[in-house]
């Protein structure tokens, strides 16, 4: 496993990360329909290109199997390939964010209890809840910050 912050973001990398994203979302975001996932998927490449700090984790074959995006001290996104879950990659990414960017907060879908539990395990606490996500969809968000 290797963690790398990528400065250049070629199309091939974005496509690999989109595959990681889609697999993770299908596994954890059961509240989303196939159409909902497809709609969101259209915006993911742009988000990956625009996030100021994109950190990827590669397996031993140098294939990206997870990623995290950070803006200032906020975790914008964190996704791990389904087949790589439970191997400490998410923890490694969070620790990287804490060390390099002193990350303090994030938002997580309320309907994704595994992610919420993971972030709580990593020392984050809910401080705010909204009824809708940032795009106005009816998916409640929990805003969490380091305790």
Protein backbone atom coordinates (compact mmCIF):
# COMPACT_ATOMS: atom_id res chain seq x y z
CA UNK A 1 0.00 0.00 0.00
CA UNK A 2 1.24 3.47 -0.89
CA UNK A 3 -0.35 6.88 -0.32
CA UNK A 4 0.34 9.51 -2.97
CA UNK A 5 -0.87 13.07 -3.37
CA UNK A 6 -1.48 13.60 -7.06
CA UNK A 7 -0.87 16.95 -8.70
CA UNK A 8 -1.60 15.95 -12.29
CA UNK A 9 -4.86 14.18 -12.92
CA UNK A 10 -4.83 12.42 -16.29
CA UNK A 11 -8.05 11.02 -17.71
CA UNK A 12 -6.95 7.43 -17.03
CA UNK A 13 -6.52 8.18 -13.31
CA UNK A 14 -9.90 9.94 -13.11
CA UNK A 15 -11.51 6.89 -14.75
CA UNK A 16 -9.83 4.55 -12.25
CA UNK A 17 -11.01 6.69 -9.33
CA UNK A 18 -14.51 6.86 -10.79
CA UNK A 19 -14.58 3.04 -10.78
CA UNK A 20 -13.51 3.03 -7.11
CA UNK A 21 -16.18 5.65 -6.33
CA UNK A 22 -18.96 3.76 -8.09
CA UNK A 23 -18.16 0.42 -6.42
CA UNK A 24 -17.98 2.03 -3.00
CA UNK A 25 -21.21 3.98 -3.49
CA UNK A 26 -23.11 0.90 -4.70
CA UNK A 27 -21.91 -0.97 -1.59
CA UNK A 28 -22.59 1.72 1.00
CA UNK A 29 -25.21 4.13 -0.34
CA UNK A 30 -28.16 1.74 -0.45
CA UNK A 31 -30.56 4.69 -0.22
CA UNK A 32 -29.61 5.74 -3.76
CA UNK A 33 -31.34 4.26 -6.80
CA UNK A 34 -29.33 3.17 -9.84
CA UNK A 35 -30.60 6.35 -11.55
CA UNK A 36 -29.50 8.43 -8.55
CA UNK A 37 -26.01 6.96 -8.67
CA UNK A 38 -25.82 7.54 -12.43
CA UNK A 39 -26.88 11.17 -11.98
CA UNK A 40 -24.27 11.84 -9.29
CA UNK A 41 -21.59 9.97 -11.26
CA UNK A 42 -21.74 12.68 -13.95
CA UNK A 43 -20.35 15.23 -11.45
CA UNK A 44 -17.65 13.08 -9.85
CA UNK A 45 -14.92 13.58 -12.52
CA UNK A 46 -15.23 17.37 -12.19
CA UNK A 47 -15.06 17.12 -8.40
CA UNK A 48 -11.93 14.97 -8.69
CA UNK A 49 -10.34 17.49 -11.01
CA UNK A 50 -11.24 20.52 -8.89
CA UNK A 51 -10.58 19.36 -5.31
CA UNK A 52 -7.40 21.15 -4.18
CA UNK A 53 -5.75 18.09 -2.60
CA UNK A 54 -6.38 14.65 -4.08
CA UNK A 55 -4.74 11.82 -2.18
CA UNK A 56 -4.87 8.27 -3.52
CA UNK A 57 -3.93 4.95 -2.00
CA UNK A 58 -2.49 2.33 -4.33
CA UNK A 59 -2.27 -1.41 -3.87
CA UNK A 60 0.95 -3.37 -4.43
CA UNK A 61 0.26 -3.42 -8.18
CA UNK A 62 0.16 0.43 -8.16
CA UNK A 63 -3.58 0.45 -8.90
CA UNK A 64 -5.63 3.11 -7.07
CA UNK A 65 -7.95 1.41 -4.56
CA UNK A 66 -9.03 4.45 -2.55
CA UNK A 67 -8.91 8.21 -2.47
CA UNK A 68 -9.60 11.27 -0.38
CA UNK A 69 -10.15 14.87 -1.40
CA UNK A 70 -9.38 17.79 0.91
CA UNK A 71 -10.22 21.48 0.70
CA UNK A 72 -8.39 23.50 3.35
CA UNK A 73 -9.07 21.42 6.51
CA UNK A 74 -12.28 19.80 5.24
CA UNK A 75 -12.51 16.23 3.93
CA UNK A 76 -14.62 16.57 0.79
CA UNK A 77 -14.64 12.89 -0.15
CA UNK A 78 -13.23 9.57 0.95
CA UNK A 79 -13.91 6.30 -0.88
CA UNK A 80 -12.32 2.86 -0.64
CA UNK A 81 -12.79 0.08 -3.20
CA UNK A 82 -15.27 -2.48 -1.89
CA UNK A 83 -12.76 -5.34 -2.07
CA UNK A 84 -10.23 -3.33 -0.04
CA UNK A 85 -12.53 -2.46 2.88
CA UNK A 86 -11.36 -3.38 6.35
CA UNK A 87 -7.64 -3.25 5.50
CA UNK A 88 -6.90 0.08 7.19
CA UNK A 89 -6.82 2.18 4.02
CA UNK A 90 -9.46 4.65 5.21
CA UNK A 91 -7.65 5.03 8.51
CA UNK A 92 -4.37 5.60 6.66
CA UNK A 93 -5.97 8.30 4.51
CA UNK A 94 -7.53 10.05 7.53
CA UNK A 95 -4.21 9.94 9.36
CA UNK A 96 -2.49 11.41 6.28
CA UNK A 97 -5.08 14.20 6.24
CA UNK A 98 -4.56 14.85 9.94
CA UNK A 99 -0.76 14.96 9.59
CA UNK A 100 -0.47 16.96 6.36
CA UNK A 101 -3.56 19.19 6.47
CA UNK A 102 -4.78 19.11 10.09
CA UNK A 103 -8.23 18.11 8.82
CA UNK A 104 -10.98 19.08 11.23
CA UNK A 105 -14.33 18.27 9.65
CA UNK A 106 -16.38 16.42 7.05
CA UNK A 107 -19.95 15.66 6.03
CA UNK A 108 -21.39 12.15 5.71
CA UNK A 109 -24.73 10.84 4.53
CA UNK A 110 -26.88 10.00 7.54
CA UNK A 111 -28.10 6.94 5.62
CA UNK A 112 -24.54 5.55 5.51
CA UNK A 113 -24.17 4.31 9.11
CA UNK A 114 -20.96 2.37 8.40
CA UNK A 115 -19.19 5.54 7.30
CA UNK A 116 -20.55 7.47 10.28
CA UNK A 117 -19.30 4.74 12.62
CA UNK A 118 -15.89 4.77 10.95
CA UNK A 119 -15.56 8.53 11.35
CA UNK A 120 -16.66 8.30 14.99
CA UNK A 121 -14.00 5.62 15.50
CA UNK A 122 -11.49 8.09 14.00
CA UNK A 123 -12.45 10.75 16.55
CA UNK A 124 -15.12 12.77 14.72
CA UNK A 125 -18.42 13.81 16.34
CA UNK A 126 -21.67 15.01 14.78
CA UNK A 127 -22.29 18.72 15.40
CA UNK A 128 -24.96 19.49 12.81
CA UNK A 129 -27.57 17.75 10.65
CA UNK A 130 -29.31 18.92 7.49
CA UNK A 131 -32.37 17.42 5.78
CA UNK A 132 -30.81 17.68 2.30
CA UNK A 133 -27.40 17.17 0.73
CA UNK A 134 -25.42 20.02 -0.84
CA UNK A 135 -27.24 19.52 -4.15
CA UNK A 136 -30.65 19.87 -2.46
CA UNK A 137 -31.51 16.18 -2.68
CA UNK A 138 -33.50 14.61 0.20
CA UNK A 139 -30.48 12.82 1.68
CA UNK A 140 -29.77 14.08 5.21
CA UNK A 141 -26.16 14.99 5.93
CA UNK A 142 -24.35 14.77 9.23
CA UNK A 143 -21.59 17.31 9.71
CA UNK A 144 -18.79 15.97 11.87
CA UNK A 145 -15.66 17.49 13.37
CA UNK A 146 -12.77 16.23 15.43
CA UNK A 147 -13.58 15.94 19.10
